[in-house]
Amino acid sequence: YVDVRNSTSVKYLVECIENTYQMNISIVVNSAGILHHITPLVLLSESVFDDVINTNLKILHVLVVCVPHLDYQNILENLGTFLVTKEAVRHMLSRNVTGAAIVNIASILGKGGFPGLGAYTASKGGVIAFTKSVALELATKGIRVNVILPGLTNTPMIQKYSNDTITKRLAAMIPMKRIAEPLEISETILFMCSPKTSYMTGASIDVAGGSQT
């Protein structure tokens, strides 16, 4: 792991990837990390807000893939940040990498909001806006940037903040009447990283069972 808050450390990460694999970085997947308990706005503490924003918008879990044509055996997993995306893009531009893909993971709640989850939805909305801005900036550089908006998914994070009763209640609100499995999200990530989406950039892809919020 690397201290992703430190630009020197992140630059060293990219250098290590270059030296280890002797290949260009062609794929970056940013997958954000934490939720908070449903809390009315007037009771939401500044520390909780800062923690969620810093984790989900600034500090992201990152997969950096150093392969030209989706060799999924060569995947290096690290913690990353805005700095990782910045340094990865710097690497791609300096080496004239084309056909590259950056995929960010936000949330369907970043589009529609949810009562009591102000910090979480703000962080995910920020990821969506960040994605679209970077996509426009890199549109002519051979680097595609898209964002996936999962709905409620059966992950340890959801299990931490929920229980069977709450999960069933939330699932009943979803048009498909169930929550997603992680594999369903990861399959979408693989698709968005593949050449099959070569004409997609700045797109927000809902993977939420029909939910719009």
C-alpha atoms as a PDB file:
ATOM      1  CA  TYR A   1       0.000   0.000   0.000  1.00  0.00           C
ATOM      2  CA  VAL A   2       0.993   3.628  -0.526  1.00  0.00           C
ATOM      3  CA  ASP A   3       0.212   6.881   1.267  1.00  0.00           C
ATOM      4  CA  VAL A   4      -2.127   8.294  -1.354  1.00  0.00           C
ATOM      5  CA  ARG A   5      -2.264  11.671   0.385  1.00  0.00           C
ATOM      6  CA  ASN A   6       1.352  12.256  -0.559  1.00  0.00           C
ATOM      7  CA  SER A   7       2.132  13.122  -4.178  1.00  0.00           C
ATOM      8  CA  THR A   8       5.691  11.828  -3.862  1.00  0.00           C
ATOM      9  CA  SER A   9       4.404   8.435  -2.716  1.00  0.00           C
ATOM     10  CA  VAL A  10       1.921   8.259  -5.570  1.00  0.00           C
ATOM     11  CA  LYS A  11       4.597   9.138  -8.114  1.00  0.00           C
ATOM     12  CA  TYR A  12       6.721   6.374  -6.622  1.00  0.00           C
ATOM     13  CA  LEU A  13       3.767   3.976  -7.007  1.00  0.00           C
ATOM     14  CA  VAL A  14       3.542   4.709 -10.725  1.00  0.00           C
ATOM     15  CA  GLU A  15       7.301   4.312 -11.088  1.00  0.00           C
ATOM     16  CA  CYS A  16       7.128   0.929  -9.335  1.00  0.00           C
ATOM     17  CA  ILE A  17       4.377  -0.208 -11.695  1.00  0.00           C
ATOM     18  CA  GLU A  18       6.423   0.883 -14.698  1.00  0.00           C
ATOM     19  CA  ASN A  19       9.547  -0.878 -13.447  1.00  0.00           C
ATOM     20  CA  THR A  20       7.750  -4.045 -12.341  1.00  0.00           C
ATOM     21  CA  TYR A  21       5.638  -4.692 -15.406  1.00  0.00           C
ATOM     22  CA  GLN A  22       7.646  -2.916 -18.118  1.00  0.00           C
ATOM     23  CA  MET A  23       4.318  -2.040 -19.705  1.00  0.00           C
ATOM     24  CA  ASN A  24       2.147   1.010 -20.060  1.00  0.00           C
ATOM     25  CA  ILE A  25      -0.717   1.708 -17.659  1.00  0.00           C
ATOM     26  CA  SER A  26      -3.869   1.419 -19.738  1.00  0.00           C
ATOM     27  CA  ILE A  27      -6.677   0.985 -17.189  1.00  0.00           C
ATOM     28  CA  VAL A  28      -7.471   2.645 -13.867  1.00  0.00           C
ATOM     29  CA  VAL A  29     -10.533   1.697 -11.793  1.00  0.00           C
ATOM     30  CA  ASN A  30     -11.445   3.959  -8.874  1.00  0.00           C
ATOM     31  CA  SER A  31     -13.755   2.250  -6.368  1.00  0.00           C
ATOM     32  CA  ALA A  32     -14.837   4.343  -3.405  1.00  0.00           C
ATOM     33  CA  GLY A  33     -15.076   3.076   0.116  1.00  0.00           C
ATOM     34  CA  ILE A  34     -17.283   4.183   3.040  1.00  0.00           C
ATOM     35  CA  LEU A  35     -20.854   4.916   4.055  1.00  0.00           C
ATOM     36  CA  HIS A  36     -22.278   6.616   7.151  1.00  0.00           C
ATOM     37  CA  HIS A  37     -25.342   5.985   9.266  1.00  0.00           C
ATOM     38  CA  ILE A  38     -28.517   7.766   8.191  1.00  0.00           C
ATOM     39  CA  THR A  39     -28.298  11.079  10.030  1.00  0.00           C
ATOM     40  CA  PRO A  40     -30.480  14.218   9.790  1.00  0.00           C
ATOM     41  CA  LEU A  41     -28.585  17.142   8.313  1.00  0.00           C
ATOM     42  CA  VAL A  42     -28.719  19.198  11.512  1.00  0.00           C
ATOM     43  CA  LEU A  43     -27.097  16.323  13.419  1.00  0.00           C
ATOM     44  CA  LEU A  44     -24.463  15.461  10.803  1.00  0.00           C
ATOM     45  CA  SER A  45     -21.078  16.319  12.278  1.00  0.00           C
ATOM     46  CA  GLU A  46     -18.385  18.108  10.337  1.00  0.00           C
ATOM     47  CA  SER A  47     -15.924  15.326  11.128  1.00  0.00           C
ATOM     48  CA  VAL A  48     -18.201  12.652   9.615  1.00  0.00           C
ATOM     49  CA  PHE A  49     -18.811  14.811   6.551  1.00  0.00           C
ATOM     50  CA  ASP A  50     -15.081  15.408   6.073  1.00  0.00           C
ATOM     51  CA  ASP A  51     -14.273  11.734   6.562  1.00  0.00           C
ATOM     52  CA  VAL A  52     -16.791  10.588   3.958  1.00  0.00           C
ATOM     53  CA  ILE A  53     -15.802  13.257   1.428  1.00  0.00           C
ATOM     54  CA  ASN A  54     -12.095  12.593   1.886  1.00  0.00           C
ATOM     55  CA  THR A  55     -12.570   8.848   1.541  1.00  0.00           C
ATOM     56  CA  ASN A  56     -15.077   8.660  -1.297  1.00  0.00           C
ATOM     57  CA  LEU A  57     -14.093  11.678  -3.366  1.00  0.00           C
ATOM     58  CA  LYS A  58     -10.448  12.264  -2.551  1.00  0.00           C
ATOM     59  CA  ILE A  59      -9.215   8.890  -1.322  1.00  0.00           C
ATOM     60  CA  LEU A  60     -10.351   6.049  -3.564  1.00  0.00           C
ATOM     61  CA  HIS A  61      -9.555   2.344  -3.777  1.00  0.00           C
ATOM     62  CA  VAL A  62      -7.788   1.904  -7.092  1.00  0.00           C
ATOM     63  CA  LEU A  63      -6.984  -0.885  -9.487  1.00  0.00           C
ATOM     64  CA  VAL A  64      -4.134   0.066 -11.794  1.00  0.00           C
ATOM     65  CA  VAL A  65      -3.853  -2.295 -14.723  1.00  0.00           C
ATOM     66  CA  CYS A  66      -0.630  -2.315 -16.715  1.00  0.00           C
ATOM     67  CA  VAL A  67      -1.699  -4.088 -19.841  1.00  0.00           C
ATOM     68  CA  PRO A  68      -2.347  -3.024 -23.420  1.00  0.00           C
ATOM     69  CA  HIS A  69      -5.194  -5.439 -24.158  1.00  0.00           C
ATOM     70  CA  LEU A  70      -6.981  -6.430 -20.948  1.00  0.00           C
ATOM     71  CA  ASP A  71      -4.712  -9.180 -19.686  1.00  0.00           C
ATOM     72  CA  TYR A  72      -6.612  -9.599 -16.426  1.00  0.00           C
ATOM     73  CA  GLN A  73      -3.806 -11.668 -14.909  1.00  0.00           C
ATOM     74  CA  ASN A  74      -1.686  -8.542 -14.481  1.00  0.00           C
ATOM     75  CA  ILE A  75      -3.699  -6.463 -12.018  1.00  0.00           C
ATOM     76  CA  LEU A  76      -2.063  -4.534  -9.182  1.00  0.00           C
ATOM     77  CA  GLU A  77      -4.418  -3.399  -6.418  1.00  0.00           C
ATOM     78  CA  ASN A  78      -3.572  -0.379  -4.290  1.00  0.00           C
ATOM     79  CA  LEU A  79      -5.216   2.450  -2.456  1.00  0.00           C
ATOM     80  CA  GLY A  80      -5.430   5.555  -4.564  1.00  0.00           C
ATOM     81  CA  THR A  81      -6.665   9.143  -4.782  1.00  0.00           C
ATOM     82  CA  PHE A  82      -7.202  11.998  -7.140  1.00  0.00           C
ATOM     83  CA  LEU A  83      -3.411  11.900  -7.211  1.00  0.00           C
ATOM     84  CA  VAL A  84      -3.431   8.359  -8.616  1.00  0.00           C
ATOM     85  CA  THR A  85      -5.687   9.386 -11.481  1.00  0.00           C
ATOM     86  CA  LYS A  86      -3.540  12.455 -12.061  1.00  0.00           C
ATOM     87  CA  GLU A  87      -0.293  10.481 -12.138  1.00  0.00           C
ATOM     88  CA  ALA A  88      -1.815   7.692 -14.236  1.00  0.00           C
ATOM     89  CA  VAL A  89      -3.013  10.240 -16.791  1.00  0.00           C
ATOM     90  CA  ARG A  90       0.387  11.911 -16.736  1.00  0.00           C
ATOM     91  CA  HIS A  91       1.913   8.496 -17.491  1.00  0.00           C
ATOM     92  CA  MET A  92      -0.569   7.796 -20.293  1.00  0.00           C
ATOM     93  CA  LEU A  93      -0.019  11.172 -21.949  1.00  0.00           C
ATOM     94  CA  SER A  94       3.765  11.041 -21.698  1.00  0.00           C
ATOM     95  CA  ARG A  95       3.826   7.602 -23.341  1.00  0.00           C
ATOM     96  CA  ASN A  96       1.119   8.371 -25.897  1.00  0.00           C
ATOM     97  CA  VAL A  97      -1.051   5.543 -24.576  1.00  0.00           C
ATOM     98  CA  THR A  98      -4.251   5.200 -26.596  1.00  0.00           C
ATOM     99  CA  GLY A  99      -7.288   3.021 -26.053  1.00  0.00           C
ATOM    100  CA  ALA A 100      -6.949   3.670 -22.316  1.00  0.00           C
ATOM    101  CA  ALA A 101      -9.853   3.600 -19.867  1.00  0.00           C
ATOM    102  CA  ILE A 102     -10.526   5.140 -16.471  1.00  0.00           C
ATOM    103  CA  VAL A 103     -13.632   3.843 -14.686  1.00  0.00           C
ATOM    104  CA  ASN A 104     -14.892   5.483 -11.503  1.00  0.00           C
ATOM    105  CA  ILE A 105     -17.413   3.858  -9.168  1.00  0.00           C
ATOM    106  CA  ALA A 106     -19.962   6.288  -7.732  1.00  0.00           C
ATOM    107  CA  SER A 107     -23.524   5.390  -6.669  1.00  0.00           C
ATOM    108  CA  ILE A 108     -27.055   5.770  -7.944  1.00  0.00           C
ATOM    109  CA  LEU A 109     -27.584   7.906  -4.821  1.00  0.00           C
ATOM    110  CA  GLY A 110     -25.115  10.433  -6.227  1.00  0.00           C
ATOM    111  CA  LYS A 111     -27.685  11.195  -8.911  1.00  0.00           C
ATOM    112  CA  GLY A 112     -30.905  11.196  -6.928  1.00  0.00           C
ATOM    113  CA  GLY A 113     -29.930  11.727  -3.303  1.00  0.00           C
ATOM    114  CA  PHE A 114     -31.302   9.998  -0.210  1.00  0.00           C
ATOM    115  CA  PRO A 115     -32.675  11.446   3.067  1.00  0.00           C
ATOM    116  CA  GLY A 116     -30.116  11.384   5.861  1.00  0.00           C
ATOM    117  CA  LEU A 117     -27.162  10.491   3.638  1.00  0.00           C
ATOM    118  CA  GLY A 118     -26.049  14.007   2.757  1.00  0.00           C
ATOM    119  CA  ALA A 119     -22.314  13.408   3.054  1.00  0.00           C
ATOM    120  CA  TYR A 120     -22.398  10.123   1.142  1.00  0.00           C
ATOM    121  CA  THR A 121     -24.538  11.433  -1.701  1.00  0.00           C
ATOM    122  CA  ALA A 122     -22.431  14.599  -1.945  1.00  0.00           C
ATOM    123  CA  SER A 123     -19.268  12.523  -2.256  1.00  0.00           C
ATOM    124  CA  LYS A 124     -20.776  10.332  -4.964  1.00  0.00           C
ATOM    125  CA  GLY A 125     -22.183  13.310  -6.831  1.00  0.00           C
ATOM    126  CA  GLY A 126     -18.679  14.751  -6.774  1.00  0.00           C
ATOM    127  CA  VAL A 127     -17.286  11.582  -8.345  1.00  0.00           C
ATOM    128  CA  ILE A 128     -19.854  11.848 -11.148  1.00  0.00           C
ATOM    129  CA  ALA A 129     -19.016  15.496 -11.864  1.00  0.00           C
ATOM    130  CA  PHE A 130     -15.268  14.831 -11.635  1.00  0.00           C
ATOM    131  CA  THR A 131     -15.614  11.998 -14.139  1.00  0.00           C
ATOM    132  CA  LYS A 132     -17.433  14.133 -16.677  1.00  0.00           C
ATOM    133  CA  SER A 133     -14.907  16.968 -16.400  1.00  0.00           C
ATOM    134  CA  VAL A 134     -11.905  14.680 -16.834  1.00  0.00           C
ATOM    135  CA  ALA A 135     -13.644  12.892 -19.720  1.00  0.00           C
ATOM    136  CA  LEU A 136     -14.063  16.169 -21.594  1.00  0.00           C
ATOM    137  CA  GLU A 137     -10.461  17.115 -20.923  1.00  0.00           C
ATOM    138  CA  LEU A 138      -9.122  13.818 -22.274  1.00  0.00           C
ATOM    139  CA  ALA A 139     -11.640  13.178 -25.057  1.00  0.00           C
ATOM    140  CA  THR A 140      -9.118  13.739 -27.856  1.00  0.00           C
ATOM    141  CA  LYS A 141      -6.236  12.011 -26.068  1.00  0.00           C
ATOM    142  CA  GLY A 142      -7.307   8.391 -26.499  1.00  0.00           C
ATOM    143  CA  ILE A 143      -8.304   8.086 -22.828  1.00  0.00           C
ATOM    144  CA  ARG A 144     -11.930   7.287 -22.005  1.00  0.00           C
ATOM    145  CA  VAL A 145     -13.332   8.214 -18.584  1.00  0.00           C
ATOM    146  CA  ASN A 146     -16.689   6.842 -17.431  1.00  0.00           C
ATOM    147  CA  VAL A 147     -18.527   6.317 -14.161  1.00  0.00           C
ATOM    148  CA  ILE A 148     -20.653   3.423 -12.928  1.00  0.00           C
ATOM    149  CA  LEU A 149     -23.575   4.082 -10.565  1.00  0.00           C
ATOM    150  CA  PRO A 150     -24.358   0.898  -8.622  1.00  0.00           C
ATOM    151  CA  GLY A 151     -27.481   0.536  -6.565  1.00  0.00           C
ATOM    152  CA  LEU A 152     -27.701  -1.343  -3.277  1.00  0.00           C
ATOM    153  CA  THR A 153     -25.143  -4.163  -3.493  1.00  0.00           C
ATOM    154  CA  ASN A 154     -24.428  -7.134  -1.245  1.00  0.00           C
ATOM    155  CA  THR A 155     -21.062  -5.982   0.087  1.00  0.00           C
ATOM    156  CA  PRO A 156     -19.469  -5.921   3.556  1.00  0.00           C
ATOM    157  CA  MET A 157     -20.102  -2.169   3.684  1.00  0.00           C
ATOM    158  CA  ILE A 158     -23.855  -2.656   3.322  1.00  0.00           C
ATOM    159  CA  GLN A 159     -23.831  -5.536   5.798  1.00  0.00           C
ATOM    160  CA  LYS A 160     -22.117  -3.260   8.319  1.00  0.00           C
ATOM    161  CA  TYR A 161     -24.785  -0.572   8.167  1.00  0.00           C
ATOM    162  CA  SER A 162     -27.849  -2.745   7.609  1.00  0.00           C
ATOM    163  CA  ASN A 163     -29.563  -5.975   8.673  1.00  0.00           C
ATOM    164  CA  ASP A 164     -31.801  -8.506   6.951  1.00  0.00           C
ATOM    165  CA  THR A 165     -34.987  -6.613   7.774  1.00  0.00           C
ATOM    166  CA  ILE A 166     -33.714  -3.284   6.463  1.00  0.00           C
ATOM    167  CA  THR A 167     -32.147  -4.890   3.390  1.00  0.00           C
ATOM    168  CA  LYS A 168     -35.410  -6.644   2.485  1.00  0.00           C
ATOM    169  CA  ARG A 169     -37.302  -3.383   2.942  1.00  0.00           C
ATOM    170  CA  LEU A 170     -34.879  -1.543   0.663  1.00  0.00           C
ATOM    171  CA  ALA A 171     -34.917  -4.369  -1.889  1.00  0.00           C
ATOM    172  CA  ALA A 172     -38.704  -4.097  -2.085  1.00  0.00           C
ATOM    173  CA  MET A 173     -38.270  -0.492  -3.279  1.00  0.00           C
ATOM    174  CA  ILE A 174     -36.097  -1.592  -6.210  1.00  0.00           C
ATOM    175  CA  PRO A 175     -37.998  -2.336  -9.456  1.00  0.00           C
ATOM    176  CA  MET A 176     -36.179  -5.697  -9.812  1.00  0.00           C
ATOM    177  CA  LYS A 177     -37.038  -6.477  -6.151  1.00  0.00           C
ATOM    178  CA  ARG A 178     -33.538  -7.549  -5.148  1.00  0.00           C
ATOM    179  CA  ILE A 179     -30.129  -6.068  -4.431  1.00  0.00           C
ATOM    180  CA  ALA A 180     -27.114  -6.510  -6.696  1.00  0.00           C
ATOM    181  CA  GLU A 181     -24.338  -9.029  -6.274  1.00  0.00           C
ATOM    182  CA  PRO A 182     -20.732  -7.745  -6.514  1.00  0.00           C
ATOM    183  CA  LEU A 183     -20.096  -9.839  -9.637  1.00  0.00           C
ATOM    184  CA  GLU A 184     -22.816  -7.917 -11.471  1.00  0.00           C
ATOM    185  CA  ILE A 185     -20.965  -4.682 -10.798  1.00  0.00           C
ATOM    186  CA  SER A 186     -17.549  -6.107 -11.663  1.00  0.00           C
ATOM    187  CA  GLU A 187     -18.831  -7.473 -14.979  1.00  0.00           C
ATOM    188  CA  THR A 188     -19.938  -3.954 -15.862  1.00  0.00           C
ATOM    189  CA  ILE A 189     -16.514  -2.617 -14.907  1.00  0.00           C
ATOM    190  CA  LEU A 190     -14.823  -5.146 -17.206  1.00  0.00           C
ATOM    191  CA  PHE A 191     -17.170  -4.162 -20.021  1.00  0.00           C
ATOM    192  CA  MET A 192     -16.447  -0.459 -19.548  1.00  0.00           C
ATOM    193  CA  CYS A 193     -12.705  -1.159 -19.632  1.00  0.00           C
ATOM    194  CA  SER A 194     -12.939  -3.178 -22.825  1.00  0.00           C
ATOM    195  CA  PRO A 195     -12.627  -2.008 -26.453  1.00  0.00           C
ATOM    196  CA  LYS A 196     -16.374  -2.662 -26.812  1.00  0.00           C
ATOM    197  CA  THR A 197     -16.954   0.761 -25.226  1.00  0.00           C
ATOM    198  CA  SER A 198     -14.434   2.575 -27.422  1.00  0.00           C
ATOM    199  CA  TYR A 199     -16.922   5.347 -28.296  1.00  0.00           C
ATOM    200  CA  MET A 200     -18.100   5.982 -24.739  1.00  0.00           C
ATOM    201  CA  THR A 201     -16.652   8.699 -22.527  1.00  0.00           C
ATOM    202  CA  GLY A 202     -18.192  10.881 -19.841  1.00  0.00           C
ATOM    203  CA  ALA A 203     -21.022   8.359 -19.513  1.00  0.00           C
ATOM    204  CA  SER A 204     -22.851   7.524 -16.279  1.00  0.00           C
ATOM    205  CA  ILE A 205     -23.945   3.883 -16.296  1.00  0.00           C
ATOM    206  CA  ASP A 206     -26.744   2.892 -13.915  1.00  0.00           C
ATOM    207  CA  VAL A 207     -26.406  -0.639 -12.519  1.00  0.00           C
ATOM    208  CA  ALA A 208     -29.195  -0.346  -9.995  1.00  0.00           C
ATOM    209  CA  GLY A 209     -31.986  -2.744 -10.916  1.00  0.00           C
ATOM    210  CA  GLY A 210     -34.074   0.089 -12.309  1.00  0.00           C
ATOM    211  CA  SER A 211     -33.700   2.406  -9.312  1.00  0.00           C
ATOM    212  CA  GLN A 212     -33.261   6.088 -10.056  1.00  0.00           C
ATOM    213  CA  THR A 213     -32.352   7.094  -6.514  1.00  0.00           C
END
